[in-house]
Amino acid sequence: MPHRRVGFIPPVNIFGIPIRRRSMPQYERSFQPGGTFFFTVVTNFRKPLFKSPAARRLLGDVLRSVKVVKPFENIAMVLLPDHLHCLWQLPENDSDYSMRWKMIKGRFTKAWLAGGGKETGRSHVRIRRAERGVWQRRFWEHTVRDEEELGRILDYIHYNPVKHGHVRCPHDWPFSSFVECVQKGWYQEDWACCCDRQAEVPTWCVDMKEIAGE
């Protein structure tokens, strides 16, 4: 989907001090020119579908099943009640992320409804096209241009639960890849931590909203 390039202000904490990552010896391997993509995918009418443990488990199962037939590397991800952000690297000379998302959405929807899961109301257009009321019809995509931008997007993904007011610190949100990235040495465990202070959404996070589609 189209997007506009936006400026970027380096991340800082509530005192204006830059938030720094550790050195990332394997970080560059996660960037492939023309094959690294950032996505925002939203539930229909922003229904908080992923408050449900069953929905979270099902989404994980579906992602793994699609990776078997259409491989991709999920570099980072965060799952919020009504949307998700993720960063993928596709195989060389493969940019067919649309087919992958079609499979993910379709498999999830079929299994979710078959298991008794609920959907939102559907418009006449959706009914005519036999589309269910689980996901928004489209998704937001941004092609990652370089390793610097990759880092900005990783930060945005892992700060997102704080941005939306679900937790005070990235390490408090269990439904993201933050802990895994800490284990890789990409972040310190207390990155962007405000456990004992009142935090505000940093300017750099707001400035990423056009890339993220939020």
N, C-alpha and C. Protein backbone atom coordinates (compact mmCIF):
# COMPACT_ATOMS: atom_id res chain seq x y z
N MET A 1 0.84 -1.18 0.00
CA MET A 1 0.00 0.00 0.00
C MET A 1 0.88 1.24 0.00
N PRO A 2 0.41 2.35 -0.52
CA PRO A 2 1.25 3.54 -0.60
C PRO A 2 1.50 4.13 0.78
N HIS A 3 2.60 4.83 0.90
CA HIS A 3 2.92 5.50 2.14
C HIS A 3 3.77 6.72 1.81
N ARG A 4 3.85 7.62 2.75
CA ARG A 4 4.74 8.76 2.61
C ARG A 4 5.92 8.59 3.52
N ARG A 5 7.07 9.00 3.06
CA ARG A 5 8.25 8.97 3.90
C ARG A 5 8.14 10.07 4.95
N VAL A 6 8.56 9.75 6.14
CA VAL A 6 8.48 10.74 7.20
C VAL A 6 9.83 10.88 7.86
N GLY A 7 10.04 12.02 8.53
CA GLY A 7 11.28 12.23 9.25
C GLY A 7 11.32 11.37 10.50
N PHE A 8 12.48 11.30 11.12
CA PHE A 8 12.65 10.45 12.29
C PHE A 8 13.49 11.16 13.32
N ILE A 9 13.01 11.17 14.57
CA ILE A 9 13.75 11.71 15.69
C ILE A 9 14.20 10.53 16.54
N PRO A 10 15.49 10.38 16.85
CA PRO A 10 15.97 9.23 17.60
C PRO A 10 15.20 9.06 18.90
N PRO A 11 14.94 7.81 19.33
CA PRO A 11 14.17 7.58 20.54
C PRO A 11 14.86 8.12 21.78
N VAL A 12 14.07 8.76 22.65
CA VAL A 12 14.58 9.27 23.92
C VAL A 12 13.63 8.86 25.02
N ASN A 13 14.13 8.82 26.25
CA ASN A 13 13.25 8.53 27.36
C ASN A 13 12.55 9.80 27.82
N ILE A 14 11.81 9.73 28.93
CA ILE A 14 11.01 10.87 29.35
C ILE A 14 11.86 12.06 29.77
N PHE A 15 13.17 11.83 29.99
CA PHE A 15 14.06 12.91 30.35
C PHE A 15 14.81 13.48 29.15
N GLY A 16 14.48 13.00 27.94
CA GLY A 16 15.14 13.47 26.74
C GLY A 16 16.48 12.82 26.48
N ILE A 17 16.82 11.76 27.24
CA ILE A 17 18.09 11.06 27.06
C ILE A 17 17.91 9.97 26.01
N PRO A 18 18.78 9.87 25.01
CA PRO A 18 18.61 8.85 23.96
C PRO A 18 18.50 7.45 24.53
N ILE A 19 17.55 6.69 24.00
CA ILE A 19 17.41 5.27 24.34
C ILE A 19 18.31 4.48 23.40
N ARG A 20 19.26 3.80 23.96
CA ARG A 20 20.26 3.12 23.13
C ARG A 20 20.07 1.61 23.20
N ARG A 21 20.35 0.98 22.10
CA ARG A 21 20.41 -0.47 22.07
C ARG A 21 21.84 -0.91 22.28
N ARG A 22 22.02 -2.18 22.58
CA ARG A 22 23.35 -2.75 22.56
C ARG A 22 23.80 -2.91 21.11
N SER A 23 25.09 -3.17 20.94
CA SER A 23 25.56 -3.49 19.59
C SER A 23 24.86 -4.76 19.12
N MET A 24 24.64 -4.87 17.82
CA MET A 24 23.86 -5.97 17.26
C MET A 24 24.69 -6.73 16.23
N PRO A 25 25.51 -7.67 16.65
CA PRO A 25 26.41 -8.34 15.71
C PRO A 25 25.71 -9.11 14.61
N GLN A 26 24.47 -9.56 14.85
CA GLN A 26 23.75 -10.31 13.83
C GLN A 26 22.58 -9.51 13.27
N TYR A 27 22.47 -8.29 13.69
CA TYR A 27 21.33 -7.45 13.32
C TYR A 27 21.21 -7.28 11.81
N GLU A 28 22.35 -7.04 11.15
CA GLU A 28 22.33 -6.77 9.72
C GLU A 28 21.81 -7.95 8.90
N ARG A 29 21.94 -9.14 9.44
CA ARG A 29 21.48 -10.31 8.70
C ARG A 29 19.96 -10.33 8.55
N SER A 30 19.28 -9.53 9.34
CA SER A 30 17.83 -9.49 9.27
C SER A 30 17.31 -8.53 8.21
N PHE A 31 18.21 -7.91 7.47
CA PHE A 31 17.79 -6.99 6.41
C PHE A 31 18.18 -7.54 5.05
N GLN A 32 17.22 -7.64 4.17
CA GLN A 32 17.47 -8.08 2.80
C GLN A 32 16.87 -7.05 1.86
N PRO A 33 17.67 -6.36 1.07
CA PRO A 33 17.12 -5.34 0.17
C PRO A 33 16.01 -5.91 -0.72
N GLY A 34 14.88 -5.23 -0.73
CA GLY A 34 13.77 -5.68 -1.56
C GLY A 34 12.98 -6.82 -0.99
N GLY A 35 13.39 -7.33 0.18
CA GLY A 35 12.70 -8.49 0.72
C GLY A 35 12.37 -8.40 2.18
N THR A 36 12.46 -7.19 2.77
CA THR A 36 12.14 -7.00 4.18
C THR A 36 10.97 -6.04 4.28
N PHE A 37 9.92 -6.46 4.96
CA PHE A 37 8.65 -5.72 4.93
C PHE A 37 8.06 -5.58 6.33
N PHE A 38 7.47 -4.41 6.56
CA PHE A 38 6.78 -4.12 7.81
C PHE A 38 5.28 -4.08 7.54
N PHE A 39 4.49 -4.75 8.39
CA PHE A 39 3.05 -4.84 8.17
C PHE A 39 2.27 -4.41 9.40
N THR A 40 1.13 -3.81 9.15
CA THR A 40 0.12 -3.58 10.16
C THR A 40 -1.16 -4.24 9.67
N VAL A 41 -1.73 -5.12 10.48
CA VAL A 41 -2.94 -5.85 10.12
C VAL A 41 -3.94 -5.65 11.25
N VAL A 42 -5.18 -5.31 10.90
CA VAL A 42 -6.17 -4.87 11.88
C VAL A 42 -7.42 -5.74 11.79
N THR A 43 -8.04 -5.99 12.92
CA THR A 43 -9.30 -6.73 12.95
C THR A 43 -10.43 -5.85 12.42
N ASN A 44 -11.50 -6.48 12.00
CA ASN A 44 -12.62 -5.72 11.45
C ASN A 44 -13.27 -4.86 12.53
N PHE A 45 -13.45 -3.58 12.21
CA PHE A 45 -14.02 -2.61 13.15
C PHE A 45 -13.24 -2.53 14.46
N ARG A 46 -11.97 -2.88 14.40
CA ARG A 46 -11.10 -2.82 15.58
C ARG A 46 -11.65 -3.65 16.74
N LYS A 47 -12.31 -4.73 16.43
CA LYS A 47 -12.79 -5.62 17.49
C LYS A 47 -11.59 -6.19 18.25
N PRO A 48 -11.61 -6.18 19.60
CA PRO A 48 -10.47 -6.67 20.38
C PRO A 48 -10.40 -8.20 20.38
N LEU A 49 -10.29 -8.76 19.22
CA LEU A 49 -10.33 -10.20 19.03
C LEU A 49 -9.25 -10.94 19.82
N PHE A 50 -8.05 -10.32 19.87
CA PHE A 50 -6.92 -11.04 20.44
C PHE A 50 -6.76 -10.84 21.95
N LYS A 51 -7.84 -10.37 22.59
CA LYS A 51 -7.92 -10.52 24.04
C LYS A 51 -8.16 -11.99 24.38
N SER A 52 -8.66 -12.73 23.42
CA SER A 52 -8.98 -14.14 23.61
C SER A 52 -7.73 -15.01 23.50
N PRO A 53 -7.38 -15.79 24.53
CA PRO A 53 -6.25 -16.72 24.42
C PRO A 53 -6.41 -17.70 23.25
N ALA A 54 -7.65 -18.12 23.00
CA ALA A 54 -7.89 -19.05 21.90
C ALA A 54 -7.54 -18.42 20.56
N ALA A 55 -7.88 -17.13 20.39
CA ALA A 55 -7.55 -16.43 19.14
C ALA A 55 -6.04 -16.27 19.00
N ARG A 56 -5.35 -15.97 20.09
CA ARG A 56 -3.89 -15.84 20.03
C ARG A 56 -3.23 -17.16 19.66
N ARG A 57 -3.69 -18.23 20.27
CA ARG A 57 -3.12 -19.54 19.95
C ARG A 57 -3.38 -19.91 18.49
N LEU A 58 -4.60 -19.65 18.04
CA LEU A 58 -4.94 -19.99 16.66
C LEU A 58 -4.10 -19.20 15.68
N LEU A 59 -3.89 -17.93 15.93
CA LEU A 59 -3.08 -17.13 15.03
C LEU A 59 -1.65 -17.69 14.95
N GLY A 60 -1.09 -18.08 16.08
CA GLY A 60 0.24 -18.67 16.07
C GLY A 60 0.28 -19.95 15.25
N ASP A 61 -0.73 -20.78 15.41
CA ASP A 61 -0.80 -22.04 14.64
C ASP A 61 -0.88 -21.75 13.15
N VAL A 62 -1.69 -20.76 12.78
CA VAL A 62 -1.87 -20.43 11.37
C VAL A 62 -0.59 -19.86 10.78
N LEU A 63 0.08 -18.98 11.48
CA LEU A 63 1.34 -18.43 10.99
C LEU A 63 2.34 -19.54 10.73
N ARG A 64 2.45 -20.48 11.65
CA ARG A 64 3.40 -21.59 11.47
C ARG A 64 3.00 -22.47 10.29
N SER A 65 1.71 -22.68 10.10
CA SER A 65 1.27 -23.55 8.99
C SER A 65 1.54 -22.89 7.64
N VAL A 66 1.35 -21.59 7.55
CA VAL A 66 1.60 -20.89 6.29
C VAL A 66 3.09 -20.84 5.98
N LYS A 67 3.92 -20.69 7.01
CA LYS A 67 5.37 -20.66 6.80
C LYS A 67 5.88 -21.95 6.17
N VAL A 68 5.19 -23.05 6.42
CA VAL A 68 5.62 -24.33 5.86
C VAL A 68 5.50 -24.33 4.33
N VAL A 69 4.41 -23.77 3.83
CA VAL A 69 4.16 -23.81 2.38
C VAL A 69 4.65 -22.55 1.66
N LYS A 70 4.69 -21.43 2.38
CA LYS A 70 5.17 -20.17 1.80
C LYS A 70 6.14 -19.55 2.81
N PRO A 71 7.38 -19.95 2.80
CA PRO A 71 8.33 -19.56 3.86
C PRO A 71 8.52 -18.06 3.99
N PHE A 72 8.74 -17.63 5.20
CA PHE A 72 9.15 -16.27 5.53
C PHE A 72 9.74 -16.29 6.92
N GLU A 73 10.59 -15.32 7.20
CA GLU A 73 11.15 -15.18 8.54
C GLU A 73 10.43 -14.04 9.24
N ASN A 74 9.84 -14.35 10.39
CA ASN A 74 9.17 -13.33 11.19
C ASN A 74 10.20 -12.73 12.14
N ILE A 75 10.82 -11.64 11.73
CA ILE A 75 11.92 -11.05 12.49
C ILE A 75 11.43 -10.52 13.84
N ALA A 76 10.28 -9.86 13.84
CA ALA A 76 9.73 -9.28 15.06
C ALA A 76 8.22 -9.16 14.90
N MET A 77 7.53 -9.16 16.05
CA MET A 77 6.07 -9.09 16.00
C MET A 77 5.54 -8.60 17.34
N VAL A 78 4.41 -7.91 17.29
CA VAL A 78 3.66 -7.58 18.49
C VAL A 78 2.18 -7.79 18.18
N LEU A 79 1.48 -8.38 19.13
CA LEU A 79 0.06 -8.65 18.96
C LEU A 79 -0.71 -7.85 20.01
N LEU A 80 -1.54 -6.93 19.54
CA LEU A 80 -2.41 -6.12 20.39
C LEU A 80 -3.83 -6.65 20.28
N PRO A 81 -4.75 -6.23 21.16
CA PRO A 81 -6.10 -6.78 21.09
C PRO A 81 -6.79 -6.65 19.74
N ASP A 82 -6.54 -5.55 19.03
CA ASP A 82 -7.27 -5.32 17.78
C ASP A 82 -6.39 -5.18 16.54
N HIS A 83 -5.08 -5.38 16.69
CA HIS A 83 -4.20 -5.30 15.52
C HIS A 83 -2.86 -5.93 15.84
N LEU A 84 -2.07 -6.10 14.80
CA LEU A 84 -0.72 -6.62 14.98
C LEU A 84 0.23 -5.88 14.06
N HIS A 85 1.48 -5.82 14.48
CA HIS A 85 2.57 -5.34 13.65
C HIS A 85 3.59 -6.46 13.53
N CYS A 86 4.16 -6.62 12.36
CA CYS A 86 5.23 -7.61 12.23
C CYS A 86 6.20 -7.19 11.13
N LEU A 87 7.38 -7.75 11.24
CA LEU A 87 8.48 -7.45 10.33
C LEU A 87 8.94 -8.76 9.73
N TRP A 88 8.79 -8.89 8.41
CA TRP A 88 9.12 -10.14 7.73
C TRP A 88 10.32 -9.97 6.81
N GLN A 89 11.04 -11.06 6.65
CA GLN A 89 12.02 -11.17 5.56
C GLN A 89 11.60 -12.35 4.70
N LEU A 90 11.40 -12.09 3.42
CA LEU A 90 10.99 -13.14 2.49
C LEU A 90 12.21 -13.74 1.80
N PRO A 91 12.05 -14.94 1.25
CA PRO A 91 13.17 -15.55 0.52
C PRO A 91 13.63 -14.65 -0.63
N GLU A 92 14.85 -14.83 -1.03
CA GLU A 92 15.41 -14.02 -2.11
C GLU A 92 14.55 -14.12 -3.37
N ASN A 93 14.33 -12.97 -4.01
CA ASN A 93 13.53 -12.87 -5.24
C ASN A 93 12.07 -13.26 -5.04
N ASP A 94 11.59 -13.12 -3.81
CA ASP A 94 10.19 -13.42 -3.50
C ASP A 94 9.61 -12.24 -2.73
N SER A 95 8.62 -11.59 -3.29
CA SER A 95 7.98 -10.47 -2.60
C SER A 95 6.46 -10.67 -2.52
N ASP A 96 6.02 -11.91 -2.62
CA ASP A 96 4.59 -12.17 -2.64
C ASP A 96 4.02 -12.26 -1.22
N TYR A 97 4.08 -11.16 -0.51
CA TYR A 97 3.52 -11.13 0.83
C TYR A 97 1.99 -11.13 0.79
N SER A 98 1.40 -10.62 -0.30
CA SER A 98 -0.06 -10.57 -0.39
C SER A 98 -0.67 -11.96 -0.32
N MET A 99 -0.08 -12.91 -1.02
CA MET A 99 -0.59 -14.27 -0.97
C MET A 99 -0.46 -14.85 0.42
N ARG A 100 0.63 -14.57 1.09
CA ARG A 100 0.82 -15.08 2.45
C ARG A 100 -0.25 -14.53 3.39
N TRP A 101 -0.52 -13.23 3.30
CA TRP A 101 -1.54 -12.66 4.17
C TRP A 101 -2.93 -13.17 3.81
N LYS A 102 -3.17 -13.39 2.55
CA LYS A 102 -4.45 -13.97 2.16
C LYS A 102 -4.63 -15.35 2.79
N MET A 103 -3.58 -16.14 2.78
CA MET A 103 -3.64 -17.47 3.38
C MET A 103 -3.81 -17.38 4.89
N ILE A 104 -3.07 -16.48 5.52
CA ILE A 104 -3.15 -16.34 6.99
C ILE A 104 -4.56 -15.91 7.40
N LYS A 105 -5.05 -14.87 6.76
CA LYS A 105 -6.39 -14.39 7.11
C LYS A 105 -7.46 -15.44 6.82
N GLY A 106 -7.34 -16.08 5.67
CA GLY A 106 -8.34 -17.07 5.29
C GLY A 106 -8.35 -18.28 6.21
N ARG A 107 -7.18 -18.81 6.53
CA ARG A 107 -7.11 -19.98 7.41
C ARG A 107 -7.58 -19.64 8.82
N PHE A 108 -7.17 -18.47 9.30
CA PHE A 108 -7.60 -18.07 10.63
C PHE A 108 -9.12 -17.92 10.68
N THR A 109 -9.67 -17.21 9.71
CA THR A 109 -11.11 -16.95 9.70
C THR A 109 -11.91 -18.24 9.67
N LYS A 110 -11.51 -19.15 8.80
CA LYS A 110 -12.22 -20.41 8.67
C LYS A 110 -12.20 -21.19 9.98
N ALA A 111 -11.02 -21.31 10.59
CA ALA A 111 -10.90 -22.07 11.83
C ALA A 111 -11.58 -21.36 13.00
N TRP A 112 -11.47 -20.04 13.03
CA TRP A 112 -12.08 -19.27 14.12
C TRP A 112 -13.60 -19.41 14.12
N LEU A 113 -14.22 -19.26 12.97
CA LEU A 113 -15.67 -19.37 12.88
C LEU A 113 -16.14 -20.81 13.07
N ALA A 114 -15.38 -21.76 12.55
CA ALA A 114 -15.75 -23.16 12.72
C ALA A 114 -15.71 -23.57 14.18
N GLY A 115 -14.85 -22.93 14.96
CA GLY A 115 -14.74 -23.25 16.37
C GLY A 115 -15.69 -22.46 17.25
N GLY A 116 -16.58 -21.71 16.65
CA GLY A 116 -17.56 -20.95 17.42
C GLY A 116 -17.18 -19.51 17.69
N GLY A 117 -16.08 -19.04 17.10
CA GLY A 117 -15.68 -17.66 17.27
C GLY A 117 -16.65 -16.71 16.60
N LYS A 118 -16.72 -15.50 17.13
CA LYS A 118 -17.67 -14.50 16.62
C LYS A 118 -17.02 -13.58 15.59
N GLU A 119 -17.84 -13.02 14.74
CA GLU A 119 -17.40 -12.00 13.79
C GLU A 119 -18.24 -10.76 13.96
N THR A 120 -17.77 -9.65 13.40
CA THR A 120 -18.55 -8.42 13.44
C THR A 120 -19.60 -8.44 12.35
N GLY A 121 -20.49 -7.45 12.39
CA GLY A 121 -21.49 -7.34 11.34
C GLY A 121 -20.83 -7.08 9.99
N ARG A 122 -21.50 -7.53 8.92
CA ARG A 122 -20.93 -7.39 7.58
C ARG A 122 -21.80 -6.47 6.73
N SER A 123 -21.12 -5.68 5.92
CA SER A 123 -21.83 -4.80 5.00
C SER A 123 -22.42 -5.62 3.86
N HIS A 124 -23.29 -4.97 3.07
CA HIS A 124 -23.86 -5.65 1.91
C HIS A 124 -22.76 -6.05 0.93
N VAL A 125 -21.74 -5.21 0.82
CA VAL A 125 -20.63 -5.53 -0.09
C VAL A 125 -19.91 -6.78 0.37
N ARG A 126 -19.65 -6.87 1.66
CA ARG A 126 -18.97 -8.05 2.18
C ARG A 126 -19.81 -9.31 1.99
N ILE A 127 -21.08 -9.19 2.25
CA ILE A 127 -21.96 -10.35 2.07
C ILE A 127 -21.97 -10.78 0.62
N ARG A 128 -22.06 -9.81 -0.30
CA ARG A 128 -22.09 -10.13 -1.73
C ARG A 128 -20.80 -10.81 -2.16
N ARG A 129 -19.67 -10.40 -1.56
CA ARG A 129 -18.38 -10.98 -1.92
C ARG A 129 -18.01 -12.18 -1.05
N ALA A 130 -18.92 -12.61 -0.22
CA ALA A 130 -18.69 -13.75 0.67
C ALA A 130 -17.49 -13.53 1.58
N GLU A 131 -17.32 -12.29 2.04
CA GLU A 131 -16.23 -11.95 2.95
C GLU A 131 -16.76 -11.91 4.38
N ARG A 132 -16.01 -12.52 5.30
CA ARG A 132 -16.44 -12.58 6.68
C ARG A 132 -15.97 -11.34 7.46
N GLY A 133 -16.57 -11.13 8.62
CA GLY A 133 -16.28 -9.94 9.41
C GLY A 133 -15.27 -10.19 10.51
N VAL A 134 -14.08 -10.63 10.13
CA VAL A 134 -13.03 -10.91 11.11
C VAL A 134 -11.87 -9.93 10.97
N TRP A 135 -11.41 -9.71 9.75
CA TRP A 135 -10.27 -8.83 9.48
C TRP A 135 -10.71 -7.64 8.65
N GLN A 136 -9.99 -6.53 8.78
CA GLN A 136 -10.12 -5.47 7.79
C GLN A 136 -9.70 -6.03 6.43
N ARG A 137 -10.29 -5.50 5.36
CA ARG A 137 -10.06 -6.07 4.04
C ARG A 137 -8.61 -5.93 3.61
N ARG A 138 -7.97 -4.83 3.97
CA ARG A 138 -6.61 -4.59 3.51
C ARG A 138 -5.64 -4.63 4.68
N PHE A 139 -4.37 -4.45 4.37
CA PHE A 139 -3.35 -4.33 5.40
C PHE A 139 -2.38 -3.25 4.96
N TRP A 140 -1.61 -2.75 5.91
CA TRP A 140 -0.64 -1.70 5.64
C TRP A 140 0.73 -2.33 5.47
N GLU A 141 1.41 -1.97 4.38
CA GLU A 141 2.74 -2.53 4.10
C GLU A 141 3.74 -1.41 3.87
N HIS A 142 4.93 -1.59 4.39
CA HIS A 142 6.03 -0.66 4.15
C HIS A 142 7.28 -1.48 3.84
N THR A 143 7.89 -1.22 2.70
CA THR A 143 9.13 -1.91 2.33
C THR A 143 10.30 -1.23 3.05
N VAL A 144 11.06 -2.01 3.79
CA VAL A 144 12.16 -1.47 4.58
C VAL A 144 13.32 -1.15 3.64
N ARG A 145 13.82 0.08 3.75
CA ARG A 145 14.80 0.56 2.78
C ARG A 145 16.24 0.27 3.18
N ASP A 146 16.52 0.24 4.48
CA ASP A 146 17.90 0.03 4.90
C ASP A 146 17.91 -0.43 6.36
N GLU A 147 19.12 -0.73 6.87
CA GLU A 147 19.25 -1.27 8.21
C GLU A 147 18.87 -0.24 9.28
N GLU A 148 19.12 1.04 9.00
CA GLU A 148 18.75 2.08 9.96
C GLU A 148 17.23 2.11 10.14
N GLU A 149 16.51 2.04 9.04
CA GLU A 149 15.06 2.04 9.12
C GLU A 149 14.56 0.76 9.80
N LEU A 150 15.24 -0.33 9.57
CA LEU A 150 14.89 -1.58 10.24
C LEU A 150 14.90 -1.40 11.75
N GLY A 151 15.92 -0.71 12.25
CA GLY A 151 16.01 -0.47 13.68
C GLY A 151 14.87 0.39 14.20
N ARG A 152 14.50 1.41 13.43
CA ARG A 152 13.39 2.27 13.84
C ARG A 152 12.09 1.47 13.94
N ILE A 153 11.88 0.60 12.98
CA ILE A 153 10.65 -0.19 12.96
C ILE A 153 10.65 -1.21 14.09
N LEU A 154 11.78 -1.82 14.37
CA LEU A 154 11.86 -2.72 15.51
C LEU A 154 11.47 -1.99 16.80
N ASP A 155 11.98 -0.77 16.96
CA ASP A 155 11.64 0.01 18.14
C ASP A 155 10.14 0.29 18.20
N TYR A 156 9.57 0.65 17.04
CA TYR A 156 8.15 0.95 17.01
C TYR A 156 7.32 -0.27 17.40
N ILE A 157 7.69 -1.43 16.86
CA ILE A 157 6.97 -2.66 17.17
C ILE A 157 6.98 -2.91 18.68
N HIS A 158 8.15 -2.84 19.27
CA HIS A 158 8.27 -3.24 20.68
C HIS A 158 7.77 -2.18 21.65
N TYR A 159 7.65 -0.94 21.20
CA TYR A 159 7.10 0.11 22.05
C TYR A 159 5.59 0.22 21.90
N ASN A 160 5.01 -0.45 20.93
CA ASN A 160 3.60 -0.27 20.61
C ASN A 160 2.64 -0.54 21.77
N PRO A 161 2.85 -1.57 22.58
CA PRO A 161 1.93 -1.77 23.71
C PRO A 161 1.95 -0.61 24.70
N VAL A 162 3.11 0.05 24.84
CA VAL A 162 3.20 1.23 25.69
C VAL A 162 2.47 2.40 25.04
N LYS A 163 2.68 2.57 23.75
CA LYS A 163 2.03 3.65 22.99
C LYS A 163 0.52 3.61 23.15
N HIS A 164 -0.05 2.39 23.15
CA HIS A 164 -1.50 2.25 23.24
C HIS A 164 -2.01 2.13 24.67
N GLY A 165 -1.13 2.28 25.64
CA GLY A 165 -1.55 2.33 27.03
C GLY A 165 -1.84 1.00 27.69
N HIS A 166 -1.38 -0.10 27.10
CA HIS A 166 -1.63 -1.41 27.69
C HIS A 166 -0.67 -1.72 28.84
N VAL A 167 0.56 -1.25 28.74
CA VAL A 167 1.58 -1.46 29.77
C VAL A 167 2.42 -0.20 29.87
N ARG A 168 3.27 -0.15 30.91
CA ARG A 168 4.15 1.00 31.09
C ARG A 168 5.49 0.82 30.40
N CYS A 169 5.91 -0.43 30.19
CA CYS A 169 7.23 -0.72 29.65
C CYS A 169 7.15 -1.86 28.65
N PRO A 170 8.01 -1.89 27.63
CA PRO A 170 7.97 -2.96 26.64
C PRO A 170 8.11 -4.35 27.24
N HIS A 171 8.91 -4.48 28.30
CA HIS A 171 9.14 -5.82 28.87
C HIS A 171 7.91 -6.38 29.58
N ASP A 172 6.90 -5.53 29.83
CA ASP A 172 5.69 -5.98 30.53
C ASP A 172 4.67 -6.64 29.61
N TRP A 173 4.86 -6.49 28.29
CA TRP A 173 3.85 -7.02 27.36
C TRP A 173 4.26 -8.41 26.91
N PRO A 174 3.46 -9.44 27.20
CA PRO A 174 3.87 -10.81 26.89
C PRO A 174 3.70 -11.23 25.44
N PHE A 175 2.96 -10.44 24.66
CA PHE A 175 2.62 -10.87 23.30
C PHE A 175 3.44 -10.12 22.26
N SER A 176 4.74 -10.15 22.41
CA SER A 176 5.63 -9.52 21.44
C SER A 176 6.94 -10.29 21.42
N SER A 177 7.79 -9.92 20.49
CA SER A 177 9.10 -10.57 20.34
C SER A 177 10.18 -9.87 21.15
N PHE A 178 9.79 -8.98 22.08
CA PHE A 178 10.80 -8.19 22.79
C PHE A 178 11.76 -9.07 23.58
N VAL A 179 11.25 -10.03 24.33
CA VAL A 179 12.11 -10.91 25.13
C VAL A 179 13.08 -11.67 24.23
N GLU A 180 12.58 -12.15 23.11
CA GLU A 180 13.44 -12.87 22.16
C GLU A 180 14.55 -11.95 21.64
N CYS A 181 14.21 -10.70 21.37
CA CYS A 181 15.23 -9.76 20.88
C CYS A 181 16.23 -9.40 21.97
N VAL A 182 15.78 -9.36 23.22
CA VAL A 182 16.71 -9.17 24.33
C VAL A 182 17.69 -10.34 24.39
N GLN A 183 17.18 -11.54 24.23
CA GLN A 183 18.03 -12.73 24.26
C GLN A 183 19.04 -12.75 23.12
N LYS A 184 18.68 -12.15 22.01
CA LYS A 184 19.61 -12.04 20.88
C LYS A 184 20.67 -10.96 21.09
N GLY A 185 20.47 -10.14 22.14
CA GLY A 185 21.39 -9.05 22.39
C GLY A 185 21.07 -7.77 21.64
N TRP A 186 19.86 -7.69 21.05
CA TRP A 186 19.48 -6.51 20.29
C TRP A 186 19.03 -5.38 21.21
N TYR A 187 18.51 -5.73 22.38
CA TYR A 187 18.04 -4.75 23.34
C TYR A 187 18.54 -5.10 24.74
N GLN A 188 18.62 -4.08 25.58
CA GLN A 188 18.73 -4.31 27.01
C GLN A 188 17.33 -4.55 27.57
N GLU A 189 17.25 -5.33 28.62
CA GLU A 189 15.95 -5.67 29.17
C GLU A 189 15.18 -4.44 29.63
N ASP A 190 15.90 -3.39 30.05
CA ASP A 190 15.23 -2.19 30.54
C ASP A 190 15.10 -1.12 29.46
N TRP A 191 15.17 -1.51 28.19
CA TRP A 191 15.02 -0.54 27.10
C TRP A 191 13.66 0.16 27.21
N ALA A 192 13.68 1.48 27.13
CA ALA A 192 12.46 2.30 27.19
C ALA A 192 11.64 2.03 28.44
N CYS A 193 12.28 1.61 29.52
CA CYS A 193 11.58 1.25 30.75
C CYS A 193 11.24 2.49 31.57
N CYS A 194 10.02 2.55 32.03
CA CYS A 194 9.56 3.64 32.90
C CYS A 194 8.77 3.06 34.08
N CYS A 195 9.27 1.97 34.64
CA CYS A 195 8.52 1.26 35.68
C CYS A 195 8.14 2.15 36.86
N ASP A 196 9.03 3.05 37.25
CA ASP A 196 8.79 3.84 38.45
C ASP A 196 8.51 5.31 38.15
N ARG A 197 8.18 5.62 36.89
CA ARG A 197 7.93 7.02 36.55
C ARG A 197 6.77 7.11 35.56
N GLN A 198 6.18 8.26 35.48
CA GLN A 198 5.11 8.50 34.53
C GLN A 198 5.70 8.72 33.14
N ALA A 199 5.23 7.97 32.17
CA ALA A 199 5.79 8.05 30.81
C ALA A 199 4.80 8.71 29.86
N GLU A 200 5.33 9.31 28.83
CA GLU A 200 4.54 9.83 27.74
C GLU A 200 5.02 9.20 26.45
N VAL A 201 4.14 9.14 25.44
CA VAL A 201 4.54 8.58 24.15
C VAL A 201 5.59 9.48 23.52
N PRO A 202 6.78 8.96 23.22
CA PRO A 202 7.85 9.79 22.67
C PRO A 202 7.50 10.34 21.29
N THR A 203 8.07 11.47 20.95
CA THR A 203 7.85 12.08 19.65
C THR A 203 8.23 11.15 18.52
N TRP A 204 9.32 10.41 18.69
CA TRP A 204 9.77 9.53 17.60
C TRP A 204 8.74 8.47 17.29
N CYS A 205 7.99 8.02 18.31
CA CYS A 205 6.97 7.01 18.09
C CYS A 205 5.80 7.58 17.31
N VAL A 206 5.40 8.78 17.64
CA VAL A 206 4.31 9.45 16.92
C VAL A 206 4.71 9.68 15.47
N ASP A 207 5.97 10.03 15.23
CA ASP A 207 6.43 10.33 13.88
C ASP A 207 6.47 9.10 12.98
N MET A 208 6.35 7.91 13.54
CA MET A 208 6.35 6.69 12.75
C MET A 208 4.95 6.29 12.31
N LYS A 209 3.92 7.05 12.69
CA LYS A 209 2.54 6.57 12.51
C LYS A 209 2.17 6.40 11.04
N GLU A 210 2.76 7.19 10.14
CA GLU A 210 2.40 7.06 8.74
C GLU A 210 2.98 5.79 8.13
N ILE A 211 4.18 5.42 8.56
CA ILE A 211 4.75 4.16 8.11
C ILE A 211 3.95 2.99 8.65
N ALA A 212 3.49 3.12 9.90
CA ALA A 212 2.80 2.02 10.56
C ALA A 212 1.33 1.94 10.21
N GLY A 213 0.77 2.99 9.64
CA GLY A 213 -0.64 2.96 9.30
C GLY A 213 -1.56 3.13 10.49
N GLU A 214 -1.08 3.75 11.58
CA GLU A 214 -1.90 3.96 12.77
C GLU A 214 -2.17 5.44 12.95
